[in-house]
Amino acid sequence: MVNMIEATLYDRLSAQKVQCRICQRLCVIQEGERGYCRTRENHQGKLFTKTYGLISSIMVSPIEKKPVYHFYPGSEWLSLGSFGCNFRCPGCQNWDIAHSKVTEDIKQARSIAPEELIQVAVKNRCFGISWTYNEPTLWLEYTLEGARLAKENGLYTNYVTNGFITAEALDRIGPYLDVFRVDLKGFSERSYKRIANVDDFSGILETTKRAKQKWKMHVEIVTNVIPGFNDDESDLRKMADWICQELGKDTPWHVTRFFPHLNLSHIPPTPVKTLQRIRNTGLKQGLRYVYLGNVYGGEEENTLCPECGATVIVRNGLQAREIHLRGGKCEFCGSPIAGSFK
C-alpha cells in the first residue's frame, strides 16, 4: 500500500504553500515542511498524509476501555491507532506514538488496508471499530474509508478524540460515525493553553455539539483532572453545566484520575476526594450519569437508575460484569436508561 496519499481537505496557496483544513489549527505549511501534527507534508505545493493505513497499535478490547459506558456495554471492539497528534499534552499516556515525529516510526509500522481492517474485525467477532490511541482526526482519509466499509458490513464506529476536528472534516465522516468520545481538557483558556497549546477551546465545544445535534452521534465526555492544571472546581461546575445544557442531562461524563507521567511526573495523583466532589457537582448541575475513572473498585463506575437508584450495570476493571436491563429499561422499576443496549 502507498501510505503517502494526497489529503482531501486543504487549500493551495501562493508560493507553493498549502493550508490544511483537517483540524482547527489550520496549519499553513511551506513546501517541504509538515504541519503541527507531523503527519501531513507539503510536497511540491500539494498536501499529503504520510500515515494512511499505518498502524502503531491494534487490539480487541471492550467498549468500556474508551471509556464509553452507554453504547452497547460489554461489546468488543477492534481498536487501533497510528502516529502523531495535534496536541502535545505534557502528561500524555500514549506519548510514544502521539508525540511521534512520524518519519522514523512509520518505517517499522504495519500497514492494513481498509478492506483488511473489516476482515480482521469480522474474524474477531467485533461489534465495531474504534479509532483511538492517537488523534483519529489526522487519519481522516483512512478512517473515512474504513467507516464507510464498516457500515456496509454491519459494524459500528467510534472516534476517541480531542474534538479539535474542523466542522468540514467532521461533516465528511459524520454520516458513518456512531460514537464520538471527546476529551474536554478543561473549561478555561488557561487550562487549554497549558495542556494542549490551544488558545481558544470554543471550537471544540461547537464541534462536540455538531456531532451530537447534526449527526446524532452518541457522545460521552472525559475529563482527566490534573492537580493545578484543570482542577478548578468553578471551571468544572461550568463544564458540567455546559454538558447538561448543550448536550443533554443524559450525556455521560467521566471524571478520571490523573497519574504522574512524562513531563508531569512530579505532580501527585488526583485525590479521590477531589474527584468525588466534582462528581457530586456534576450531579447537582443536573447530569444523570457521572462516573469516576482510574479509581478501581469504586461504585462510581457503576450505572445507577436515575429514578429508583438501583444498580443496573456493575463494572469492574473497565468491563461490564452485570447488566440488569430489559429493552434498555431498568430491570427493577422499568424506567428507561439513556443510551443504546442489546
Foldseek 3Di string as FASTA:
>chain_A
DQQKDFDDAWAQDPPLWIFGQWFQVRDTAHAQGAGLQLQWHRHRSTIIGRGAQWWPDWDKDFCCVLPDDFAAAQFIEIETEAATALFQFQFDPLCCRHVDNPPVVSVPTDGDALVRVLVVCVVVVGQAYEYDSYACSSNLVRVQVNLVVCVVVNHAYEYSHQQRTAPVSCVSNLQRHAEYEHEDAAQDLQLCCNGGVDRDCVNSLVSQLCSCPVSVHQYAYEYADFPPRHLPLVRLLVVLLCCCPRVHLQHEYEYEWDPQHHSRVVGHIDDVVSVVVSQVSSVVSRRQQYAYHPPFPDPRNFHADSPPRHGQFDDGPSHTPHGQDDPQAHVPPRHHRDHHYD
